[in-house]
Amino acid sequence: MIDGLPTEISSLSTGDLATSFERSNLSSFINPNDVESVTVLKDAAAASIYGARAANGVIVITTKSGKGMGSKGKPVIKFSSDFIFTEKPDLDDMHYASTSDLIDYEMALYKRATSIYPGGEADLWGNTVGMGYIGSGGAINYYSPLYNLYRKKFEGAISQKQFDDEVQQMRGLDYRREYVDKVWRNPFRQSYNISVAAATDKQDLYISLNYIGSEKLVSDNNETFNAYIKARQQVMKT
């Protein structure tokens, strides 16, 4: 319930509003800065007030109003902001294998594979057994860059020295590091909220404006603008 009106909400997440527009998420359509109080009613208490649909419980949310914040005849202006900065993950802390480690691992696998066949590399790269040539027998085989170098060396397309030079060059590559440096960013979130509240004996008014901008780890920038107006007028018979 929000200000006495029933609302179907399955999540009360107050995460990044700039990326949460799902109907099932409360934070996608209400600014947390506009919430005055939250009350949880459970079981019989909820059912007795709101009926059978509230048997599992009801969350009652009351938003701010001019009557609750404003002084009579004098508007009250409030401003708040917050900044959240998160450093992007450090690959060194994740203990990923380096390119050189992966090459050593693949070389060990290749050595083991050649030991399985009596003919060694001849059987491994043969047309009918082992890994076969690319496109042989109607099948398409794809190899890692290292295995492709092994295949070229076996076919005589490159020499042992050329093979060693290529492998040494590959060891100096670090695609993960390049991805982190070129693609990943330090996530950043900024939020600004301003509200104006005023009240008299017969009426009250509450207005708030909210801006949220964020940069995620890998994505474009996101921006969200929220405006909220709550007004009450006391009507009396003359």
Protein backbone atom coordinates (compact mmCIF):
# COMPACT_ATOMS: atom_id res chain seq x y z
CA MET A 1 0.00 0.00 0.00
CA ILE A 2 1.32 3.42 -0.99
CA ASP A 3 -0.59 6.29 0.63
CA GLY A 4 -3.62 4.05 1.00
CA LEU A 5 -3.61 2.76 -2.58
CA PRO A 6 -2.97 -0.95 -3.27
CA THR A 7 0.06 -1.68 -5.42
CA GLU A 8 1.34 -5.02 -6.71
CA ILE A 9 5.08 -5.07 -6.00
CA SER A 10 7.30 -8.13 -5.70
CA SER A 11 10.55 -6.37 -4.82
CA LEU A 12 11.52 -3.52 -2.52
CA SER A 13 15.01 -3.12 -3.92
CA THR A 14 16.51 0.33 -3.53
CA GLY A 15 19.39 -0.29 -5.89
CA ASP A 16 20.52 1.86 -8.77
CA LEU A 17 17.36 3.60 -9.95
CA ALA A 18 18.98 4.41 -13.27
CA THR A 19 18.98 0.74 -14.19
CA SER A 20 15.78 -0.46 -12.45
CA PHE A 21 12.61 0.25 -14.39
CA GLU A 22 10.86 -3.06 -13.85
CA ARG A 23 7.26 -2.75 -12.70
CA SER A 24 7.95 -5.29 -9.97
CA ASN A 25 10.59 -3.08 -8.39
CA LEU A 26 9.43 -0.36 -5.98
CA SER A 27 12.52 1.76 -6.58
CA SER A 28 11.67 2.01 -10.27
CA PHE A 29 8.76 4.38 -9.66
CA ILE A 30 9.14 5.89 -6.21
CA ASN A 31 12.04 7.96 -4.94
CA PRO A 32 13.31 6.64 -1.58
CA ASN A 33 13.87 10.26 -0.50
CA ASP A 34 10.09 10.80 -0.72
CA VAL A 35 9.26 7.99 1.73
CA GLU A 36 8.29 9.14 5.21
CA SER A 37 7.57 5.78 6.86
CA VAL A 38 7.32 2.05 6.12
CA THR A 39 5.15 -0.28 8.20
CA VAL A 40 4.92 -4.06 7.82
CA LEU A 41 1.63 -5.75 8.76
CA LYS A 42 1.61 -9.54 8.97
CA ASP A 43 -0.89 -12.37 8.98
CA ALA A 44 -4.19 -11.68 10.75
CA ALA A 45 -3.58 -7.98 11.26
CA ALA A 46 -3.08 -7.43 7.54
CA ALA A 47 -5.99 -9.65 6.52
CA SER A 48 -8.39 -7.95 8.93
CA ILE A 49 -7.68 -4.57 7.39
CA TYR A 50 -7.01 -5.31 3.73
CA GLY A 51 -8.79 -8.61 3.12
CA ALA A 52 -7.81 -12.08 1.98
CA ARG A 53 -5.24 -10.84 -0.55
CA ALA A 54 -3.18 -9.55 2.34
CA ALA A 55 -2.96 -12.91 4.10
CA ASN A 56 0.80 -13.09 3.50
CA GLY A 57 1.39 -9.59 4.80
CA VAL A 58 1.22 -5.99 3.65
CA ILE A 59 3.86 -3.30 3.42
CA VAL A 60 2.35 0.11 4.09
CA ILE A 61 4.33 3.05 2.69
CA THR A 62 3.54 6.64 3.54
CA THR A 63 5.16 9.35 1.44
CA LYS A 64 6.13 12.79 2.68
CA SER A 65 3.70 15.67 2.54
CA GLY A 66 3.78 19.42 3.00
CA LYS A 67 1.81 19.08 6.22
CA GLY A 68 4.43 16.84 7.75
CA MET A 69 7.43 18.93 6.68
CA GLY A 70 6.43 22.52 6.04
CA SER A 71 5.97 25.26 8.57
CA LYS A 72 2.72 27.17 8.35
CA GLY A 73 3.09 29.85 5.73
CA LYS A 74 6.82 29.22 5.23
CA PRO A 75 8.17 26.78 2.64
CA VAL A 76 10.87 24.34 3.68
CA ILE A 77 13.54 23.53 1.08
CA LYS A 78 15.80 20.50 1.46
CA PHE A 79 18.68 19.36 -0.73
CA SER A 80 20.71 16.16 -0.56
CA SER A 81 23.24 14.41 -2.73
CA ASP A 82 25.36 11.30 -2.66
CA PHE A 83 28.24 9.90 -4.66
CA ILE A 84 29.25 6.25 -4.88
CA PHE A 85 32.56 5.32 -6.49
CA THR A 86 33.63 1.70 -6.95
CA GLU A 87 37.02 0.64 -8.23
CA LYS A 88 36.93 -1.87 -11.05
CA PRO A 89 38.10 -5.40 -10.17
CA ASP A 90 41.82 -6.10 -10.10
CA LEU A 91 42.68 -9.17 -12.17
CA ASP A 92 45.71 -9.82 -9.97
CA ASP A 93 43.36 -10.48 -7.06
CA MET A 94 41.37 -12.99 -9.14
CA HIS A 95 44.42 -15.19 -9.73
CA TYR A 96 43.65 -15.86 -13.39
CA ALA A 97 46.19 -17.83 -15.36
CA SER A 98 48.42 -15.66 -17.53
CA THR A 99 48.70 -16.07 -21.29
CA SER A 100 52.05 -17.78 -20.81
CA ASP A 101 50.51 -20.19 -18.28
CA LEU A 102 47.73 -21.08 -20.72
CA ILE A 103 50.28 -21.71 -23.46
CA ASP A 104 52.24 -24.05 -21.17
CA TYR A 105 48.99 -25.84 -20.34
CA GLU A 106 48.08 -26.27 -24.03
CA MET A 107 51.59 -27.51 -24.81
CA ALA A 108 51.24 -30.14 -22.09
CA LEU A 109 47.89 -31.20 -23.55
CA TYR A 110 49.39 -31.41 -27.04
CA LYS A 111 52.29 -33.50 -25.80
CA ARG A 112 49.86 -35.84 -24.08
CA ALA A 113 47.68 -36.06 -27.21
CA THR A 114 50.59 -37.00 -29.45
CA SER A 115 51.66 -39.72 -27.00
CA ILE A 116 48.29 -41.45 -27.37
CA TYR A 117 48.80 -42.30 -31.06
CA PRO A 118 51.53 -44.74 -32.17
CA GLY A 119 52.43 -42.48 -35.08
CA GLY A 120 52.59 -39.35 -32.92
CA GLU A 121 51.84 -36.15 -34.81
CA ALA A 122 51.30 -38.05 -38.07
CA ASP A 123 48.32 -39.85 -36.56
CA LEU A 124 47.13 -36.80 -34.63
CA TRP A 125 46.87 -34.68 -37.76
CA GLY A 126 45.90 -37.50 -40.11
CA ASN A 127 42.82 -37.45 -42.28
CA THR A 128 41.06 -40.39 -40.67
CA VAL A 129 42.21 -40.34 -37.06
CA GLY A 130 43.14 -37.74 -34.50
CA MET A 131 42.19 -34.12 -35.08
CA GLY A 132 42.27 -34.23 -38.87
CA TYR A 133 42.80 -31.44 -41.34
CA ILE A 134 40.47 -28.49 -41.49
CA GLY A 135 37.47 -29.48 -43.56
CA SER A 136 38.58 -33.08 -44.04
CA GLY A 137 35.86 -35.70 -44.45
CA GLY A 138 33.16 -33.06 -44.60
CA ALA A 139 33.83 -32.00 -41.00
CA ILE A 140 35.18 -28.62 -39.96
CA ASN A 141 37.74 -28.58 -37.18
CA TYR A 142 38.79 -25.41 -35.42
CA TYR A 143 41.97 -25.10 -33.41
CA SER A 144 43.39 -22.67 -30.91
CA PRO A 145 46.12 -20.32 -32.22
CA LEU A 146 48.76 -22.55 -30.60
CA TYR A 147 47.35 -25.77 -32.07
CA ASN A 148 47.15 -24.08 -35.44
CA LEU A 149 50.89 -23.34 -35.19
CA TYR A 150 51.51 -26.99 -34.38
CA ARG A 151 49.50 -27.98 -37.46
CA LYS A 152 51.41 -25.57 -39.70
CA LYS A 153 54.73 -26.86 -38.37
CA PHE A 154 53.66 -30.47 -38.99
CA GLU A 155 52.65 -29.61 -42.57
CA GLY A 156 55.97 -27.86 -43.15
CA ALA A 157 54.37 -24.44 -43.62
CA ILE A 158 56.60 -22.97 -40.91
CA SER A 159 59.96 -23.94 -39.44
CA GLN A 160 60.72 -24.78 -35.81
CA LYS A 161 62.31 -21.35 -35.40
CA GLN A 162 59.24 -19.63 -36.80
CA PHE A 163 57.11 -21.72 -34.46
CA ASP A 164 59.22 -20.73 -31.44
CA ASP A 165 59.17 -17.05 -32.44
CA GLU A 166 55.37 -17.07 -32.81
CA VAL A 167 54.91 -18.76 -29.45
CA GLN A 168 57.22 -16.28 -27.76
CA GLN A 169 55.25 -13.41 -29.26
CA MET A 170 51.98 -14.96 -28.08
CA ARG A 171 53.32 -15.19 -24.53
CA GLY A 172 53.62 -11.41 -24.43
CA LEU A 173 49.93 -10.88 -25.23
CA ASP A 174 47.41 -10.33 -22.44
CA TYR A 175 43.90 -9.92 -23.84
CA ARG A 176 42.32 -9.89 -20.38
CA ARG A 177 44.49 -6.99 -19.31
CA GLU A 178 43.74 -5.12 -22.52
CA TYR A 179 40.01 -5.70 -22.01
CA VAL A 180 40.18 -4.33 -18.47
CA ASP A 181 42.20 -1.31 -19.55
CA LYS A 182 40.16 -0.47 -22.66
CA VAL A 183 36.62 -1.60 -21.80
CA TRP A 184 36.12 -1.74 -18.04
CA ARG A 185 35.46 1.49 -16.18
CA ASN A 186 35.32 2.42 -12.52
CA PRO A 187 31.56 2.32 -11.70
CA PHE A 188 30.27 5.66 -10.48
CA ARG A 189 26.86 6.79 -9.26
CA GLN A 190 25.69 10.27 -8.35
CA SER A 191 22.33 11.37 -7.02
CA TYR A 192 20.80 14.80 -6.34
CA ASN A 193 17.48 15.38 -4.63
CA ILE A 194 15.68 18.64 -3.86
CA SER A 195 12.28 19.03 -2.23
CA VAL A 196 9.99 21.92 -1.35
CA ALA A 197 7.25 21.60 1.27
CA ALA A 198 4.71 24.16 2.39
CA ALA A 199 1.52 24.03 4.45
CA THR A 200 -1.30 26.20 5.69
CA ASP A 201 -4.37 25.44 7.76
CA LYS A 202 -6.35 24.36 4.69
CA GLN A 203 -3.80 23.07 2.23
CA ASP A 204 -0.33 21.61 1.91
CA LEU A 205 2.04 20.92 -0.96
CA TYR A 206 5.11 18.73 -1.41
CA ILE A 207 7.27 18.75 -4.55
CA SER A 208 10.51 16.86 -5.15
CA LEU A 209 12.91 16.53 -8.04
CA ASN A 210 15.50 13.78 -8.27
CA TYR A 211 18.37 13.11 -10.67
CA ILE A 212 20.48 9.96 -10.79
CA GLY A 213 23.39 9.43 -13.15
CA SER A 214 25.52 6.32 -13.28
CA GLU A 215 28.37 4.72 -15.15
CA LYS A 216 28.45 0.94 -14.98
CA LEU A 217 31.42 -1.38 -15.35
CA VAL A 218 30.66 -2.10 -19.00
CA SER A 219 27.90 -0.02 -20.59
CA ASP A 220 26.83 3.42 -21.66
CA ASN A 221 25.95 6.08 -19.11
CA ASN A 222 22.48 6.02 -17.57
CA GLU A 223 20.44 8.99 -16.40
CA THR A 224 17.12 9.11 -14.56
CA PHE A 225 14.94 12.10 -13.69
CA ASN A 226 12.07 11.79 -11.21
CA ALA A 227 9.45 14.35 -10.24
CA TYR A 228 6.91 13.90 -7.46
CA ILE A 229 4.04 16.18 -6.45
CA LYS A 230 1.69 15.63 -3.53
CA ALA A 231 -1.00 18.20 -2.73
CA ARG A 232 -3.92 18.31 -0.31
CA GLN A 233 -6.76 20.79 -0.09
CA GLN A 234 -9.31 20.95 2.70
CA VAL A 235 -12.77 21.59 1.33
CA MET A 236 -15.29 23.13 3.75
CA LYS A 237 -18.90 23.93 3.31
CA THR A 238 -19.77 27.60 3.35
